[in-house]
Amino acid sequence: HSCCPNAVVSWDAEVGELLVKSAQPIDEGEEVTISYLGHSPGLEKICEAHQSYTLDDCALGETDNIPAHWPHNELRMRRERLMATKCFLCRCPRCVREAGEVLMM
């Protein structure tokens, strides 16, 4: 999971498969991440355009500037929902940056 994912998932009912599509270029060896919190509708156009977003493109606290494939909730709401539904505290790069924490790799 990541709150700044580089891929999105969708269910193809016709073939009965879960599809993973990149939402931006993914470098060789880079981890493919999705958001457990879902994403905005209409991502097919973003995926087809293969637009590139990085954490630096996100103006913290301004959801208008957040890419459509990123969750648009505030940090507290994202973390509370993930703790309630998935039982973990999100420490993805976006959450760490917004919380002013240090990311330990």
Protein backbone atom coordinates (compact mmCIF):
# COMPACT_ATOMS: atom_id res chain seq x y z
CA HIS A 1 0.00 0.00 0.00
CA SER A 2 0.97 3.60 -0.56
CA CYS A 3 -0.93 6.89 -0.35
CA CYS A 4 1.18 7.99 -3.35
CA PRO A 5 0.74 4.83 -5.46
CA ASN A 6 2.25 4.30 -8.88
CA ALA A 7 -0.44 1.83 -10.00
CA VAL A 8 -4.19 1.23 -9.75
CA VAL A 9 -6.25 -1.95 -9.66
CA SER A 10 -9.58 -2.74 -11.26
CA TRP A 11 -11.72 -5.83 -11.67
CA ASP A 12 -12.38 -7.09 -15.20
CA ALA A 13 -15.67 -8.96 -14.80
CA GLU A 14 -15.63 -10.21 -18.39
CA VAL A 15 -12.52 -12.32 -17.86
CA GLY A 16 -12.68 -12.59 -14.07
CA GLU A 17 -9.29 -11.00 -13.44
CA LEU A 18 -7.87 -8.30 -11.23
CA LEU A 19 -5.96 -5.86 -13.44
CA VAL A 20 -3.01 -3.81 -12.22
CA LYS A 21 -2.21 -0.80 -14.41
CA SER A 22 0.61 1.64 -13.99
CA ALA A 23 -0.58 5.19 -13.39
CA GLN A 24 2.85 6.60 -14.09
CA PRO A 25 6.17 5.28 -15.39
CA ILE A 26 7.68 2.68 -13.04
CA ASP A 27 11.43 2.16 -13.08
CA GLU A 28 12.94 -1.30 -13.26
CA GLY A 29 13.31 -2.61 -9.72
CA GLU A 30 10.88 -0.03 -8.29
CA GLU A 31 8.15 -1.44 -6.07
CA VAL A 32 4.68 -1.42 -7.64
CA THR A 33 2.27 0.15 -5.15
CA ILE A 34 -1.49 0.59 -4.96
CA SER A 35 -3.68 2.41 -2.49
CA TYR A 36 -5.91 0.34 -0.20
CA LEU A 37 -8.06 3.46 0.10
CA GLY A 38 -9.23 3.44 -3.50
CA HIS A 39 -8.95 6.17 -6.08
CA SER A 40 -10.98 8.60 -8.15
CA PRO A 41 -13.11 7.32 -11.03
CA GLY A 42 -11.96 7.83 -14.61
CA LEU A 43 -8.38 6.68 -14.11
CA GLU A 44 -8.28 4.88 -17.43
CA LYS A 45 -7.42 8.17 -19.12
CA ILE A 46 -4.61 8.84 -16.64
CA CYS A 47 -3.23 5.33 -17.11
CA GLU A 48 -3.41 5.59 -20.89
CA ALA A 49 -1.71 8.98 -20.87
CA HIS A 50 0.96 7.48 -18.55
CA GLN A 51 1.38 10.77 -16.74
CA SER A 52 4.19 11.04 -14.26
CA TYR A 53 3.70 12.20 -10.67
CA THR A 54 6.08 12.21 -7.75
CA LEU A 55 5.66 13.03 -4.09
CA ASP A 56 7.08 16.49 -4.81
CA ASP A 57 4.18 17.18 -7.20
CA CYS A 58 1.75 17.03 -4.28
CA ALA A 59 1.16 20.37 -2.60
CA LEU A 60 0.63 19.24 0.98
CA GLY A 61 -2.86 19.92 2.22
CA GLU A 62 -4.12 21.05 -1.18
CA THR A 63 -6.21 18.24 -2.63
CA ASP A 64 -6.67 20.11 -5.91
CA ASN A 65 -3.03 19.39 -6.76
CA ILE A 66 -3.04 15.71 -5.79
CA PRO A 67 -3.00 13.26 -8.72
CA ALA A 68 -6.33 11.51 -9.29
CA HIS A 69 -4.87 8.09 -8.47
CA TRP A 70 -3.81 9.23 -4.99
CA PRO A 71 -6.30 9.19 -2.08
CA HIS A 72 -7.63 12.71 -1.53
CA ASN A 73 -8.20 12.41 2.23
CA GLU A 74 -6.15 14.26 4.82
CA LEU A 75 -3.37 12.40 6.64
CA ARG A 76 -5.37 11.81 9.83
CA MET A 77 -8.36 10.40 7.94
CA ARG A 78 -6.19 8.11 5.78
CA ARG A 79 -4.32 6.74 8.77
CA GLU A 80 -7.48 6.26 10.85
CA ARG A 81 -9.24 4.41 8.03
CA LEU A 82 -6.25 2.15 7.39
CA MET A 83 -5.88 1.39 11.10
CA ALA A 84 -9.60 0.58 11.39
CA THR A 85 -9.80 -1.56 8.26
CA LYS A 86 -6.29 -2.97 7.74
CA CYS A 87 -4.81 -2.72 11.26
CA PHE A 88 -1.66 -0.77 10.41
CA LEU A 89 -0.31 2.76 10.67
CA CYS A 90 0.60 3.94 7.20
CA ARG A 91 4.24 4.99 6.90
CA CYS A 92 4.37 5.45 3.15
CA PRO A 93 6.54 8.34 1.89
CA ARG A 94 3.53 10.66 1.57
CA CYS A 95 2.22 10.03 5.10
CA VAL A 96 5.69 10.32 6.61
CA ARG A 97 6.30 13.60 4.81
CA GLU A 98 2.90 15.07 5.73
CA ALA A 99 3.35 14.06 9.37
CA GLY A 100 6.86 15.53 9.50
CA GLU A 101 8.30 12.13 10.39
CA VAL A 102 11.51 10.50 9.23
CA LEU A 103 11.23 7.60 6.78
CA MET A 104 13.40 4.68 7.87
CA MET A 105 14.36 2.36 5.03
